[in-house]
Amino acid sequence: AAIDQEPPALLILDIWLKDSQMDGIDILKAVKRDNPDVPVVIISGHGN
């Protein structure tokens, strides 16, 4: 909803989101599809 209202200059995105219909990878795909100029930095506490 925030991205649809106004795309940000940068998105800092946690890859694991509790109580959400989409995880970070799903959101990343949607953002790169509809707003490809927005850079996305992924953060995670379970990184591998």
ModelCIF file with pLDDT and N, C-alpha, C, O atoms, coordinates in Angstrom:
data_MODEL
#
_entry.id   MODEL 
#
_entity.id                         1 
_entity.type                       polymer 
_entity.pdbx_number_of_molecules   1 
#
_entity_poly.entity_id                      1 
_entity_poly.type                           'polypeptide(L)' 
_entity_poly.nstd_linkage                   no 
_entity_poly.nstd_monomer                   no 
_entity_poly.pdbx_seq_one_letter_code       AAIDQEPPALLILDIWLKDSQMDGIDILKAVKRDNPDVPVVIISGHGN 
_entity_poly.pdbx_seq_one_letter_code_can   AAIDQEPPALLILDIWLKDSQMDGIDILKAVKRDNPDVPVVIISGHGN 
_entity_poly.pdbx_strand_id                 A 
#
loop_
_entity_poly_seq.entity_id 
_entity_poly_seq.num 
_entity_poly_seq.mon_id 
_entity_poly_seq.hetero 
1 1  ALA n 
1 2  ALA n 
1 3  ILE n 
1 4  ASP n 
1 5  GLN n 
1 6  GLU n 
1 7  PRO n 
1 8  PRO n 
1 9  ALA n 
1 10 LEU n 
1 11 LEU n 
1 12 ILE n 
1 13 LEU n 
1 14 ASP n 
1 15 ILE n 
1 16 TRP n 
1 17 LEU n 
1 18 LYS n 
1 19 ASP n 
1 20 SER n 
1 21 GLN n 
1 22 MET n 
1 23 ASP n 
1 24 GLY n 
1 25 ILE n 
1 26 ASP n 
1 27 ILE n 
1 28 LEU n 
1 29 LYS n 
1 30 ALA n 
1 31 VAL n 
1 32 LYS n 
1 33 ARG n 
1 34 ASP n 
1 35 ASN n 
1 36 PRO n 
1 37 ASP n 
1 38 VAL n 
1 39 PRO n 
1 40 VAL n 
1 41 VAL n 
1 42 ILE n 
1 43 ILE n 
1 44 SER n 
1 45 GLY n 
1 46 HIS n 
1 47 GLY n 
1 48 ASN n 
#
_struct_asym.id          A 
_struct_asym.entity_id   1 
#
loop_
_ma_qa_metric.id 
_ma_qa_metric.mode 
_ma_qa_metric.name 
_ma_qa_metric.software_group_id 
_ma_qa_metric.type 
1 global pLDDT . pLDDT 
2 local  pLDDT . pLDDT 
#
_ma_qa_metric_global.metric_id      1 
_ma_qa_metric_global.metric_value   84.98 
_ma_qa_metric_global.model_id       1 
_ma_qa_metric_global.ordinal_id     1 
#
loop_
_ma_qa_metric_local.label_asym_id 
_ma_qa_metric_local.label_comp_id 
_ma_qa_metric_local.label_seq_id 
_ma_qa_metric_local.metric_id 
_ma_qa_metric_local.metric_value 
_ma_qa_metric_local.model_id 
_ma_qa_metric_local.ordinal_id 
A ALA 1  2 91.00 1 1  
A ALA 2  2 91.00 1 2  
A ILE 3  2 89.00 1 3  
A ASP 4  2 86.00 1 4  
A GLN 5  2 86.00 1 5  
A GLU 6  2 85.00 1 6  
A PRO 7  2 86.00 1 7  
A PRO 8  2 90.00 1 8  
A ALA 9  2 88.00 1 9  
A LEU 10 2 91.00 1 10 
A LEU 11 2 93.00 1 11 
A ILE 12 2 93.00 1 12 
A LEU 13 2 91.00 1 13 
A ASP 14 2 89.00 1 14 
A ILE 15 2 85.00 1 15 
A TRP 16 2 84.00 1 16 
A LEU 17 2 87.00 1 17 
A LYS 18 2 84.00 1 18 
A ASP 19 2 82.00 1 19 
A SER 20 2 86.00 1 20 
A GLN 21 2 87.00 1 21 
A MET 22 2 89.00 1 22 
A ASP 23 2 87.00 1 23 
A GLY 24 2 87.00 1 24 
A ILE 25 2 87.00 1 25 
A ASP 26 2 89.00 1 26 
A ILE 27 2 91.00 1 27 
A LEU 28 2 90.00 1 28 
A LYS 29 2 86.00 1 29 
A ALA 30 2 86.00 1 30 
A VAL 31 2 87.00 1 31 
A LYS 32 2 83.00 1 32 
A ARG 33 2 77.00 1 33 
A ASP 34 2 77.00 1 34 
A ASN 35 2 79.00 1 35 
A PRO 36 2 78.00 1 36 
A ASP 37 2 78.00 1 37 
A VAL 38 2 87.00 1 38 
A PRO 39 2 90.00 1 39 
A VAL 40 2 92.00 1 40 
A VAL 41 2 92.00 1 41 
A ILE 42 2 89.00 1 42 
A ILE 43 2 88.00 1 43 
A SER 44 2 81.00 1 44 
A GLY 45 2 74.00 1 45 
A HIS 46 2 66.00 1 46 
A GLY 47 2 59.00 1 47 
A ASN 48 2 66.00 1 48 
#
loop_
_atom_site.group_PDB 
_atom_site.id 
_atom_site.type_symbol 
_atom_site.label_atom_id 
_atom_site.label_alt_id 
_atom_site.label_comp_id 
_atom_site.label_asym_id 
_atom_site.label_entity_id 
_atom_site.label_seq_id 
_atom_site.pdbx_PDB_ins_code 
_atom_site.Cartn_x 
_atom_site.Cartn_y 
_atom_site.Cartn_z 
_atom_site.occupancy 
_atom_site.B_iso_or_equiv 
_atom_site.pdbx_formal_charge 
_atom_site.auth_seq_id 
_atom_site.auth_comp_id 
_atom_site.auth_asym_id 
_atom_site.auth_atom_id 
_atom_site.pdbx_PDB_model_num 
ATOM 1   N N  . ALA A 1 1  ? 0.831  -1.202  0.000   1.00 91.00 ? 1  ALA A N  1 
ATOM 2   C CA . ALA A 1 1  ? 0.000  0.000   0.000   1.00 91.00 ? 1  ALA A CA 1 
ATOM 3   C C  . ALA A 1 1  ? 0.869  1.257   0.000   1.00 91.00 ? 1  ALA A C  1 
ATOM 4   O O  . ALA A 1 1  ? 0.559  2.231   -0.686  1.00 91.00 ? 1  ALA A O  1 
ATOM 5   N N  . ALA A 1 2  ? 1.960  1.231   0.773   1.00 91.00 ? 2  ALA A N  1 
ATOM 6   C CA . ALA A 1 2  ? 2.857  2.387   0.825   1.00 91.00 ? 2  ALA A CA 1 
ATOM 7   C C  . ALA A 1 2  ? 3.546  2.622   -0.513  1.00 91.00 ? 2  ALA A C  1 
ATOM 8   O O  . ALA A 1 2  ? 3.726  3.765   -0.933  1.00 91.00 ? 2  ALA A O  1 
ATOM 9   N N  . ILE A 1 3  ? 3.929  1.538   -1.180  1.00 89.00 ? 3  ILE A N  1 
ATOM 10  C CA . ILE A 1 3  ? 4.592  1.663   -2.487  1.00 89.00 ? 3  ILE A CA 1 
ATOM 11  C C  . ILE A 1 3  ? 3.610  2.168   -3.539  1.00 89.00 ? 3  ILE A C  1 
ATOM 12  O O  . ILE A 1 3  ? 3.969  2.985   -4.386  1.00 89.00 ? 3  ILE A O  1 
ATOM 13  N N  . ASP A 1 4  ? 2.358  1.677   -3.485  1.00 86.00 ? 4  ASP A N  1 
ATOM 14  C CA . ASP A 1 4  ? 1.357  2.145   -4.434  1.00 86.00 ? 4  ASP A CA 1 
ATOM 15  C C  . ASP A 1 4  ? 1.039  3.622   -4.233  1.00 86.00 ? 4  ASP A C  1 
ATOM 16  O O  . ASP A 1 4  ? 0.781  4.352   -5.189  1.00 86.00 ? 4  ASP A O  1 
ATOM 17  N N  . GLN A 1 5  ? 1.061  4.050   -2.959  1.00 86.00 ? 5  GLN A N  1 
ATOM 18  C CA . GLN A 1 5  ? 0.789  5.459   -2.675  1.00 86.00 ? 5  GLN A CA 1 
ATOM 19  C C  . GLN A 1 5  ? 1.887  6.357   -3.243  1.00 86.00 ? 5  GLN A C  1 
ATOM 20  O O  . GLN A 1 5  ? 1.599  7.377   -3.869  1.00 86.00 ? 5  GLN A O  1 
ATOM 21  N N  . GLU A 1 6  ? 3.143  5.974   -3.024  1.00 85.00 ? 6  GLU A N  1 
ATOM 22  C CA . GLU A 1 6  ? 4.288  6.710   -3.587  1.00 85.00 ? 6  GLU A CA 1 
ATOM 23  C C  . GLU A 1 6  ? 5.524  5.816   -3.526  1.00 85.00 ? 6  GLU A C  1 
ATOM 24  O O  . GLU A 1 6  ? 5.955  5.449   -2.432  1.00 85.00 ? 6  GLU A O  1 
ATOM 25  N N  . PRO A 1 7  ? 6.104  5.457   -4.667  1.00 86.00 ? 7  PRO A N  1 
ATOM 26  C CA . PRO A 1 7  ? 7.307  4.623   -4.651  1.00 86.00 ? 7  PRO A CA 1 
ATOM 27  C C  . PRO A 1 7  ? 8.442  5.317   -3.897  1.00 86.00 ? 7  PRO A C  1 
ATOM 28  O O  . PRO A 1 7  ? 8.673  6.511   -4.089  1.00 86.00 ? 7  PRO A O  1 
ATOM 29  N N  . PRO A 1 8  ? 9.150  4.578   -3.043  1.00 90.00 ? 8  PRO A N  1 
ATOM 30  C CA . PRO A 1 8  ? 10.245 5.187   -2.285  1.00 90.00 ? 8  PRO A CA 1 
ATOM 31  C C  . PRO A 1 8  ? 11.514 5.299   -3.125  1.00 90.00 ? 8  PRO A C  1 
ATOM 32  O O  . PRO A 1 8  ? 11.613 4.720   -4.207  1.00 90.00 ? 8  PRO A O  1 
ATOM 33  N N  . ALA A 1 9  ? 12.480 6.053   -2.609  1.00 88.00 ? 9  ALA A N  1 
ATOM 34  C CA . ALA A 1 9  ? 13.785 6.131   -3.278  1.00 88.00 ? 9  ALA A CA 1 
ATOM 35  C C  . ALA A 1 9  ? 14.588 4.868   -3.013  1.00 88.00 ? 9  ALA A C  1 
ATOM 36  O O  . ALA A 1 9  ? 15.453 4.507   -3.811  1.00 88.00 ? 9  ALA A O  1 
ATOM 37  N N  . LEU A 1 10 ? 14.309 4.185   -1.889  1.00 91.00 ? 10 LEU A N  1 
ATOM 38  C CA . LEU A 1 10 ? 15.013 2.958   -1.512  1.00 91.00 ? 10 LEU A CA 1 
ATOM 39  C C  . LEU A 1 10 ? 14.096 2.136   -0.629  1.00 91.00 ? 10 LEU A C  1 
ATOM 40  O O  . LEU A 1 10 ? 13.353 2.685   0.185   1.00 91.00 ? 10 LEU A O  1 
ATOM 41  N N  . LEU A 1 11 ? 14.145 0.818   -0.789  1.00 93.00 ? 11 LEU A N  1 
ATOM 42  C CA . LEU A 1 11 ? 13.354 -0.088  0.051   1.00 93.00 ? 11 LEU A CA 1 
ATOM 43  C C  . LEU A 1 11 ? 14.311 -0.975  0.838   1.00 93.00 ? 11 LEU A C  1 
ATOM 44  O O  . LEU A 1 11 ? 15.110 -1.705  0.252   1.00 93.00 ? 11 LEU A O  1 
ATOM 45  N N  . ILE A 1 12 ? 14.229 -0.912  2.191   1.00 93.00 ? 12 ILE A N  1 
ATOM 46  C CA . ILE A 1 12 ? 14.975 -1.815  3.066   1.00 93.00 ? 12 ILE A CA 1 
ATOM 47  C C  . ILE A 1 12 ? 13.979 -2.854  3.552   1.00 93.00 ? 12 ILE A C  1 
ATOM 48  O O  . ILE A 1 12 ? 13.013 -2.517  4.238   1.00 93.00 ? 12 ILE A O  1 
ATOM 49  N N  . LEU A 1 13 ? 14.207 -4.122  3.202   1.00 91.00 ? 13 LEU A N  1 
ATOM 50  C CA . LEU A 1 13 ? 13.169 -5.142  3.308   1.00 91.00 ? 13 LEU A CA 1 
ATOM 51  C C  . LEU A 1 13 ? 13.652 -6.372  4.064   1.00 91.00 ? 13 LEU A C  1 
ATOM 52  O O  . LEU A 1 13 ? 14.638 -7.001  3.680   1.00 91.00 ? 13 LEU A O  1 
ATOM 53  N N  . ASP A 1 14 ? 12.944 -6.712  5.151   1.00 89.00 ? 14 ASP A N  1 
ATOM 54  C CA . ASP A 1 14 ? 13.212 -7.944  5.877   1.00 89.00 ? 14 ASP A CA 1 
ATOM 55  C C  . ASP A 1 14 ? 12.679 -9.118  5.051   1.00 89.00 ? 14 ASP A C  1 
ATOM 56  O O  . ASP A 1 14 ? 11.581 -9.045  4.500   1.00 89.00 ? 14 ASP A O  1 
ATOM 57  N N  . ILE A 1 15 ? 13.446 -10.180 4.969   1.00 85.00 ? 15 ILE A N  1 
ATOM 58  C CA . ILE A 1 15 ? 13.036 -11.285 4.106   1.00 85.00 ? 15 ILE A CA 1 
ATOM 59  C C  . ILE A 1 15 ? 11.981 -12.164 4.763   1.00 85.00 ? 15 ILE A C  1 
ATOM 60  O O  . ILE A 1 15 ? 11.212 -12.826 4.067   1.00 85.00 ? 15 ILE A O  1 
ATOM 61  N N  . TRP A 1 16 ? 11.931 -12.181 6.116   1.00 84.00 ? 16 TRP A N  1 
ATOM 62  C CA . TRP A 1 16 ? 10.928 -12.987 6.814   1.00 84.00 ? 16 TRP A CA 1 
ATOM 63  C C  . TRP A 1 16 ? 9.963  -12.043 7.504   1.00 84.00 ? 16 TRP A C  1 
ATOM 64  O O  . TRP A 1 16 ? 10.369 -11.265 8.367   1.00 84.00 ? 16 TRP A O  1 
ATOM 65  N N  . LEU A 1 17 ? 8.688  -12.100 7.134   1.00 87.00 ? 17 LEU A N  1 
ATOM 66  C CA . LEU A 1 17 ? 7.669  -11.206 7.694   1.00 87.00 ? 17 LEU A CA 1 
ATOM 67  C C  . LEU A 1 17 ? 6.545  -12.045 8.300   1.00 87.00 ? 17 LEU A C  1 
ATOM 68  O O  . LEU A 1 17 ? 5.839  -12.757 7.587   1.00 87.00 ? 17 LEU A O  1 
ATOM 69  N N  . LYS A 1 18 ? 6.382  -11.953 9.651   1.00 84.00 ? 18 LYS A N  1 
ATOM 70  C CA . LYS A 1 18 ? 5.327  -12.700 10.325  1.00 84.00 ? 18 LYS A CA 1 
ATOM 71  C C  . LYS A 1 18 ? 3.966  -12.098 10.003  1.00 84.00 ? 18 LYS A C  1 
ATOM 72  O O  . LYS A 1 18 ? 3.840  -10.894 9.778   1.00 84.00 ? 18 LYS A O  1 
ATOM 73  N N  . ASP A 1 19 ? 2.960  -12.949 9.985   1.00 82.00 ? 19 ASP A N  1 
ATOM 74  C CA . ASP A 1 19 ? 1.573  -12.517 9.779   1.00 82.00 ? 19 ASP A CA 1 
ATOM 75  C C  . ASP A 1 19 ? 1.410  -11.719 8.483   1.00 82.00 ? 19 ASP A C  1 
ATOM 76  O O  . ASP A 1 19 ? 0.678  -10.730 8.444   1.00 82.00 ? 19 ASP A O  1 
ATOM 77  N N  . SER A 1 20 ? 2.090  -12.150 7.436   1.00 86.00 ? 20 SER A N  1 
ATOM 78  C CA . SER A 1 20 ? 2.006  -11.473 6.138   1.00 86.00 ? 20 SER A CA 1 
ATOM 79  C C  . SER A 1 20 ? 1.695  -12.477 5.041   1.00 86.00 ? 20 SER A C  1 
ATOM 80  O O  . SER A 1 20 ? 2.102  -13.637 5.117   1.00 86.00 ? 20 SER A O  1 
ATOM 81  N N  . GLN A 1 21 ? 0.979  -12.034 4.027   1.00 87.00 ? 21 GLN A N  1 
ATOM 82  C CA . GLN A 1 21 ? 0.645  -12.901 2.911   1.00 87.00 ? 21 GLN A CA 1 
ATOM 83  C C  . GLN A 1 21 ? 1.838  -13.115 1.978   1.00 87.00 ? 21 GLN A C  1 
ATOM 84  O O  . GLN A 1 21 ? 1.899  -14.111 1.258   1.00 87.00 ? 21 GLN A O  1 
ATOM 85  N N  . MET A 1 22 ? 2.776  -12.183 1.995   1.00 89.00 ? 22 MET A N  1 
ATOM 86  C CA . MET A 1 22 ? 3.937  -12.258 1.112   1.00 89.00 ? 22 MET A CA 1 
ATOM 87  C C  . MET A 1 22 ? 5.201  -12.199 1.952   1.00 89.00 ? 22 MET A C  1 
ATOM 88  O O  . MET A 1 22 ? 5.250  -11.481 2.951   1.00 89.00 ? 22 MET A O  1 
ATOM 89  N N  . ASP A 1 23 ? 6.241  -12.960 1.549   1.00 87.00 ? 23 ASP A N  1 
ATOM 90  C CA . ASP A 1 23 ? 7.535  -12.814 2.210   1.00 87.00 ? 23 ASP A CA 1 
ATOM 91  C C  . ASP A 1 23 ? 8.366  -11.796 1.438   1.00 87.00 ? 23 ASP A C  1 
ATOM 92  O O  . ASP A 1 23 ? 7.898  -11.207 0.464   1.00 87.00 ? 23 ASP A O  1 
ATOM 93  N N  . GLY A 1 24 ? 9.605  -11.595 1.885   1.00 87.00 ? 24 GLY A N  1 
ATOM 94  C CA . GLY A 1 24 ? 10.449 -10.575 1.271   1.00 87.00 ? 24 GLY A CA 1 
ATOM 95  C C  . GLY A 1 24 ? 10.739 -10.820 -0.202  1.00 87.00 ? 24 GLY A C  1 
ATOM 96  O O  . GLY A 1 24 ? 10.790 -9.877  -0.992  1.00 87.00 ? 24 GLY A O  1 
ATOM 97  N N  . ILE A 1 25 ? 10.930 -12.092 -0.577  1.00 87.00 ? 25 ILE A N  1 
ATOM 98  C CA . ILE A 1 25 ? 11.210 -12.414 -1.980  1.00 87.00 ? 25 ILE A CA 1 
ATOM 99  C C  . ILE A 1 25 ? 10.001 -12.102 -2.861  1.00 87.00 ? 25 ILE A C  1 
ATOM 100 O O  . ILE A 1 25 ? 10.152 -11.608 -3.979  1.00 87.00 ? 25 ILE A O  1 
ATOM 101 N N  . ASP A 1 26 ? 8.794  -12.393 -2.348  1.00 89.00 ? 26 ASP A N  1 
ATOM 102 C CA . ASP A 1 26 ? 7.578  -12.078 -3.108  1.00 89.00 ? 26 ASP A CA 1 
ATOM 103 C C  . ASP A 1 26 ? 7.437  -10.566 -3.307  1.00 89.00 ? 26 ASP A C  1 
ATOM 104 O O  . ASP A 1 26 ? 7.099  -10.099 -4.394  1.00 89.00 ? 26 ASP A O  1 
ATOM 105 N N  . ILE A 1 27 ? 7.704  -9.812  -2.234  1.00 91.00 ? 27 ILE A N  1 
ATOM 106 C CA . ILE A 1 27 ? 7.625  -8.350  -2.342  1.00 91.00 ? 27 ILE A CA 1 
ATOM 107 C C  . ILE A 1 27 ? 8.688  -7.837  -3.309  1.00 91.00 ? 27 ILE A C  1 
ATOM 108 O O  . ILE A 1 27 ? 8.431  -6.946  -4.118  1.00 91.00 ? 27 ILE A O  1 
ATOM 109 N N  . LEU A 1 28 ? 9.889  -8.415  -3.212  1.00 90.00 ? 28 LEU A N  1 
ATOM 110 C CA . LEU A 1 28 ? 10.977 -8.013  -4.117  1.00 90.00 ? 28 LEU A CA 1 
ATOM 111 C C  . LEU A 1 28 ? 10.570 -8.213  -5.582  1.00 90.00 ? 28 LEU A C  1 
ATOM 112 O O  . LEU A 1 28 ? 10.793 -7.333  -6.414  1.00 90.00 ? 28 LEU A O  1 
ATOM 113 N N  . LYS A 1 29 ? 9.975  -9.364  -5.895  1.00 86.00 ? 29 LYS A N  1 
ATOM 114 C CA . LYS A 1 29 ? 9.537  -9.642  -7.271  1.00 86.00 ? 29 LYS A CA 1 
ATOM 115 C C  . LYS A 1 29 ? 8.516  -8.608  -7.729  1.00 86.00 ? 29 LYS A C  1 
ATOM 116 O O  . LYS A 1 29 ? 8.590  -8.105  -8.851  1.00 86.00 ? 29 LYS A O  1 
ATOM 117 N N  . ALA A 1 30 ? 7.556  -8.293  -6.849  1.00 86.00 ? 30 ALA A N  1 
ATOM 118 C CA . ALA A 1 30 ? 6.503  -7.345  -7.217  1.00 86.00 ? 30 ALA A CA 1 
ATOM 119 C C  . ALA A 1 30 ? 7.080  -5.946  -7.447  1.00 86.00 ? 30 ALA A C  1 
ATOM 120 O O  . ALA A 1 30 ? 6.685  -5.243  -8.377  1.00 86.00 ? 30 ALA A O  1 
ATOM 121 N N  . VAL A 1 31 ? 8.021  -5.555  -6.584  1.00 87.00 ? 31 VAL A N  1 
ATOM 122 C CA . VAL A 1 31 ? 8.621  -4.222  -6.727  1.00 87.00 ? 31 VAL A CA 1 
ATOM 123 C C  . VAL A 1 31 ? 9.437  -4.129  -8.008  1.00 87.00 ? 31 VAL A C  1 
ATOM 124 O O  . VAL A 1 31 ? 9.325  -3.141  -8.734  1.00 87.00 ? 31 VAL A O  1 
ATOM 125 N N  . LYS A 1 32 ? 10.252 -5.128  -8.300  1.00 83.00 ? 32 LYS A N  1 
ATOM 126 C CA . LYS A 1 32 ? 11.080 -5.088  -9.512  1.00 83.00 ? 32 LYS A CA 1 
ATOM 127 C C  . LYS A 1 32 ? 10.225 -5.205  -10.770 1.00 83.00 ? 32 LYS A C  1 
ATOM 128 O O  . LYS A 1 32 ? 10.655 -4.808  -11.853 1.00 83.00 ? 32 LYS A O  1 
ATOM 129 N N  . ARG A 1 33 ? 9.011  -5.751  -10.629 1.00 77.00 ? 33 ARG A N  1 
ATOM 130 C CA . ARG A 1 33 ? 8.100  -5.834  -11.767 1.00 77.00 ? 33 ARG A CA 1 
ATOM 131 C C  . ARG A 1 33 ? 7.453  -4.479  -12.035 1.00 77.00 ? 33 ARG A C  1 
ATOM 132 O O  . ARG A 1 33 ? 7.413  -4.024  -13.178 1.00 77.00 ? 33 ARG A O  1 
ATOM 133 N N  . ASP A 1 34 ? 6.947  -3.835  -10.985 1.00 77.00 ? 34 ASP A N  1 
ATOM 134 C CA . ASP A 1 34 ? 6.163  -2.617  -11.176 1.00 77.00 ? 34 ASP A CA 1 
ATOM 135 C C  . ASP A 1 34 ? 6.966  -1.335  -10.988 1.00 77.00 ? 34 ASP A C  1 
ATOM 136 O O  . ASP A 1 34 ? 6.601  -0.294  -11.534 1.00 77.00 ? 34 ASP A O  1 
ATOM 137 N N  . ASN A 1 35 ? 8.051  -1.396  -10.225 1.00 79.00 ? 35 ASN A N  1 
ATOM 138 C CA . ASN A 1 35 ? 8.882  -0.205  -9.976  1.00 79.00 ? 35 ASN A CA 1 
ATOM 139 C C  . ASN A 1 35 ? 10.360 -0.591  -10.076 1.00 79.00 ? 35 ASN A C  1 
ATOM 140 O O  . ASN A 1 35 ? 11.081 -0.557  -9.078  1.00 79.00 ? 35 ASN A O  1 
ATOM 141 N N  . PRO A 1 36 ? 10.805 -0.953  -11.266 1.00 78.00 ? 36 PRO A N  1 
ATOM 142 C CA . PRO A 1 36 ? 12.165 -1.497  -11.408 1.00 78.00 ? 36 PRO A CA 1 
ATOM 143 C C  . PRO A 1 36 ? 13.280 -0.531  -11.025 1.00 78.00 ? 36 PRO A C  1 
ATOM 144 O O  . PRO A 1 36 ? 14.407 -0.965  -10.786 1.00 78.00 ? 36 PRO A O  1 
ATOM 145 N N  . ASP A 1 37 ? 12.994 0.775   -10.961 1.00 78.00 ? 37 ASP A N  1 
ATOM 146 C CA . ASP A 1 37 ? 14.038 1.742   -10.617 1.00 78.00 ? 37 ASP A CA 1 
ATOM 147 C C  . ASP A 1 37 ? 14.265 1.861   -9.112  1.00 78.00 ? 37 ASP A C  1 
ATOM 148 O O  . ASP A 1 37 ? 15.212 2.523   -8.686  1.00 78.00 ? 37 ASP A O  1 
ATOM 149 N N  . VAL A 1 38 ? 13.416 1.233   -8.300  1.00 87.00 ? 38 VAL A N  1 
ATOM 150 C CA . VAL A 1 38 ? 13.571 1.316   -6.844  1.00 87.00 ? 38 VAL A CA 1 
ATOM 151 C C  . VAL A 1 38 ? 14.570 0.253   -6.377  1.00 87.00 ? 38 VAL A C  1 
ATOM 152 O O  . VAL A 1 38 ? 14.295 -0.940  -6.506  1.00 87.00 ? 38 VAL A O  1 
ATOM 153 N N  . PRO A 1 39 ? 15.724 0.661   -5.837  1.00 90.00 ? 39 PRO A N  1 
ATOM 154 C CA . PRO A 1 39 ? 16.670 -0.341  -5.330  1.00 90.00 ? 39 PRO A CA 1 
ATOM 155 C C  . PRO A 1 39 ? 16.149 -0.967  -4.038  1.00 90.00 ? 39 PRO A C  1 
ATOM 156 O O  . PRO A 1 39 ? 15.517 -0.295  -3.222  1.00 90.00 ? 39 PRO A O  1 
ATOM 157 N N  . VAL A 1 40 ? 16.420 -2.256  -3.861  1.00 92.00 ? 40 VAL A N  1 
ATOM 158 C CA . VAL A 1 40 ? 15.928 -2.995  -2.689  1.00 92.00 ? 40 VAL A CA 1 
ATOM 159 C C  . VAL A 1 40 ? 17.116 -3.619  -1.968  1.00 92.00 ? 40 VAL A C  1 
ATOM 160 O O  . VAL A 1 40 ? 17.899 -4.361  -2.562  1.00 92.00 ? 40 VAL A O  1 
ATOM 161 N N  . VAL A 1 41 ? 17.241 -3.308  -0.680  1.00 92.00 ? 41 VAL A N  1 
ATOM 162 C CA . VAL A 1 41 ? 18.265 -3.910  0.185   1.00 92.00 ? 41 VAL A CA 1 
ATOM 163 C C  . VAL A 1 41 ? 17.568 -4.905  1.100   1.00 92.00 ? 41 VAL A C  1 
ATOM 164 O O  . VAL A 1 41 ? 16.691 -4.529  1.878   1.00 92.00 ? 41 VAL A O  1 
ATOM 165 N N  . ILE A 1 42 ? 17.954 -6.169  1.009   1.00 89.00 ? 42 ILE A N  1 
ATOM 166 C CA . ILE A 1 42 ? 17.355 -7.229  1.814   1.00 89.00 ? 42 ILE A CA 1 
ATOM 167 C C  . ILE A 1 42 ? 18.128 -7.379  3.123   1.00 89.00 ? 42 ILE A C  1 
ATOM 168 O O  . ILE A 1 42 ? 19.359 -7.402  3.134   1.00 89.00 ? 42 ILE A O  1 
ATOM 169 N N  . ILE A 1 43 ? 17.374 -7.480  4.242   1.00 88.00 ? 43 ILE A N  1 
ATOM 170 C CA . ILE A 1 43 ? 18.002 -7.763  5.537   1.00 88.00 ? 43 ILE A CA 1 
ATOM 171 C C  . ILE A 1 43 ? 17.344 -9.007  6.131   1.00 88.00 ? 43 ILE A C  1 
ATOM 172 O O  . ILE A 1 43 ? 16.153 -9.243  5.924   1.00 88.00 ? 43 ILE A O  1 
ATOM 173 N N  . SER A 1 44 ? 18.120 -9.798  6.869   1.00 81.00 ? 44 SER A N  1 
ATOM 174 C CA . SER A 1 44 ? 17.566 -11.026 7.446   1.00 81.00 ? 44 SER A CA 1 
ATOM 175 C C  . SER A 1 44 ? 18.398 -11.482 8.634   1.00 81.00 ? 44 SER A C  1 
ATOM 176 O O  . SER A 1 44 ? 19.624 -11.366 8.642   1.00 81.00 ? 44 SER A O  1 
ATOM 177 N N  . GLY A 1 45 ? 17.701 -12.004 9.638   1.00 74.00 ? 45 GLY A N  1 
ATOM 178 C CA . GLY A 1 45 ? 18.393 -12.570 10.788  1.00 74.00 ? 45 GLY A CA 1 
ATOM 179 C C  . GLY A 1 45 ? 18.690 -14.035 10.614  1.00 74.00 ? 45 GLY A C  1 
ATOM 180 O O  . GLY A 1 45 ? 19.289 -14.663 11.487  1.00 74.00 ? 45 GLY A O  1 
ATOM 181 N N  . HIS A 1 46 ? 18.270 -14.593 9.480   1.00 66.00 ? 46 HIS A N  1 
ATOM 182 C CA . HIS A 1 46 ? 18.507 -16.011 9.200   1.00 66.00 ? 46 HIS A CA 1 
ATOM 183 C C  . HIS A 1 46 ? 19.239 -16.134 7.875   1.00 66.00 ? 46 HIS A C  1 
ATOM 184 O O  . HIS A 1 46 ? 18.908 -16.978 7.042   1.00 66.00 ? 46 HIS A O  1 
ATOM 185 N N  . GLY A 1 47 ? 20.229 -15.288 7.693   1.00 59.00 ? 47 GLY A N  1 
ATOM 186 C CA . GLY A 1 47 ? 20.904 -15.211 6.402   1.00 59.00 ? 47 GLY A CA 1 
ATOM 187 C C  . GLY A 1 47 ? 21.726 -16.438 6.079   1.00 59.00 ? 47 GLY A C  1 
ATOM 188 O O  . GLY A 1 47 ? 22.371 -17.021 6.950   1.00 59.00 ? 47 GLY A O  1 
ATOM 189 N N  . ASN A 1 48 ? 21.695 -16.816 4.833   1.00 66.00 ? 48 ASN A N  1 
ATOM 190 C CA . ASN A 1 48 ? 22.605 -17.825 4.320   1.00 66.00 ? 48 ASN A CA 1 
ATOM 191 C C  . ASN A 1 48 ? 22.865 -17.513 2.866   1.00 66.00 ? 48 ASN A C  1 
ATOM 192 O O  . ASN A 1 48 ? 23.613 -18.233 2.204   1.00 66.00 ? 48 ASN A O  1 
#
